[in-house]
C-alpha atoms as a PDB file:
ATOM      1  CA  MET A   1     -24.261 -12.069  -5.472  1.00  0.00           C
ATOM      2  CA  GLY A   2     -25.709  -9.726  -2.922  1.00  0.00           C
ATOM      3  CA  HIS A   3     -23.919  -6.622  -4.219  1.00  0.00           C
ATOM      4  CA  PRO A   4     -24.581  -6.257  -7.939  1.00  0.00           C
ATOM      5  CA  GLN A   5     -22.904  -2.842  -8.289  1.00  0.00           C
ATOM      6  CA  GLU A   6     -19.519  -4.232  -7.282  1.00  0.00           C
ATOM      7  CA  VAL A   7     -19.919  -7.271  -9.517  1.00  0.00           C
ATOM      8  CA  ALA A   8     -20.955  -5.042 -12.432  1.00  0.00           C
ATOM      9  CA  ARG A   9     -17.886  -2.808 -11.927  1.00  0.00           C
ATOM     10  CA  ASP A  10     -15.541  -5.788 -12.029  1.00  0.00           C
ATOM     11  CA  LEU A  11     -17.255  -7.277 -15.088  1.00  0.00           C
ATOM     12  CA  LYS A  12     -17.224  -3.969 -16.945  1.00  0.00           C
ATOM     13  CA  ALA A  13     -13.527  -3.509 -16.206  1.00  0.00           C
ATOM     14  CA  TYR A  14     -12.729  -7.072 -17.235  1.00  0.00           C
ATOM     15  CA  LEU A  15     -14.673  -6.880 -20.479  1.00  0.00           C
ATOM     16  CA  GLY A  16     -13.080  -3.538 -21.349  1.00  0.00           C
ATOM     17  CA  THR A  17      -9.484  -4.212 -20.320  1.00  0.00           C
ATOM     18  CA  GLY A  18      -9.120  -7.932 -19.695  1.00  0.00           C
ATOM     19  CA  LYS A  19      -8.457  -7.232 -16.004  1.00  0.00           C
ATOM     20  CA  PRO A  20     -10.730  -6.776 -12.988  1.00  0.00           C
ATOM     21  CA  THR A  21     -10.778  -3.532 -11.038  1.00  0.00           C
ATOM     22  CA  THR A  22      -8.019  -2.923  -8.525  1.00  0.00           C
ATOM     23  CA  ASP A  23     -10.614  -2.381  -5.799  1.00  0.00           C
ATOM     24  CA  TRP A  24     -10.953  -5.055  -3.128  1.00  0.00           C
ATOM     25  CA  TYR A  25     -14.469  -5.983  -2.027  1.00  0.00           C
ATOM     26  CA  TYR A  26     -14.914  -8.152   1.045  1.00  0.00           C
ATOM     27  CA  SER A  27     -17.395  -8.770   3.821  1.00  0.00           C
ATOM     28  CA  ALA A  28     -16.551  -6.994   7.050  1.00  0.00           C
ATOM     29  CA  ASP A  29     -16.356  -8.923  10.283  1.00  0.00           C
ATOM     30  CA  GLY A  30     -17.869 -12.027   8.697  1.00  0.00           C
ATOM     31  CA  ASP A  31     -21.126 -10.242   7.865  1.00  0.00           C
ATOM     32  CA  PRO A  32     -21.898 -11.010   4.201  1.00  0.00           C
ATOM     33  CA  GLN A  33     -24.428  -8.175   4.117  1.00  0.00           C
ATOM     34  CA  HIS A  34     -21.775  -5.539   4.944  1.00  0.00           C
ATOM     35  CA  ILE A  35     -19.385  -5.148   2.024  1.00  0.00           C
ATOM     36  CA  VAL A  36     -16.274  -3.022   2.417  1.00  0.00           C
ATOM     37  CA  THR A  37     -14.447  -1.535  -0.563  1.00  0.00           C
ATOM     38  CA  LYS A  38     -10.758  -0.722  -0.394  1.00  0.00           C
ATOM     39  CA  LYS A  39      -9.752   1.345  -3.415  1.00  0.00           C
ATOM     40  CA  LYS A  40      -6.720   0.081  -5.335  1.00  0.00           C
ATOM     41  CA  ALA A  41      -6.035  -2.642  -2.774  1.00  0.00           C
ATOM     42  CA  ALA A  42      -7.085  -5.871  -4.510  1.00  0.00           C
ATOM     43  CA  PRO A  43      -4.662  -8.728  -3.923  1.00  0.00           C
ATOM     44  CA  LEU A  44      -4.310  -9.656  -7.595  1.00  0.00           C
ATOM     45  CA  ILE A  45      -2.776 -13.046  -8.287  1.00  0.00           C
ATOM     46  CA  HIS A  46      -0.755 -13.398 -11.464  1.00  0.00           C
ATOM     47  CA  GLY A  47       0.218 -16.721 -12.894  1.00  0.00           C
ATOM     48  CA  LYS A  48      -0.307 -19.234 -15.611  1.00  0.00           C
ATOM     49  CA  CYS A  49      -3.752 -20.625 -16.221  1.00  0.00           C
ATOM     50  CA  GLU A  50      -3.623 -24.370 -16.670  1.00  0.00           C
END
């Protein structure tokens, strides 16, 4: 994980609420060193865990 702050935010949210943050982190233009954050834009997938 090249961006520990984002990972820490998601883990903290998950451990506190059972859900990740609603922010969407992704690499821009295929560059894994450039992470973009879109606030409240995460494409959350809901469904049964099997």
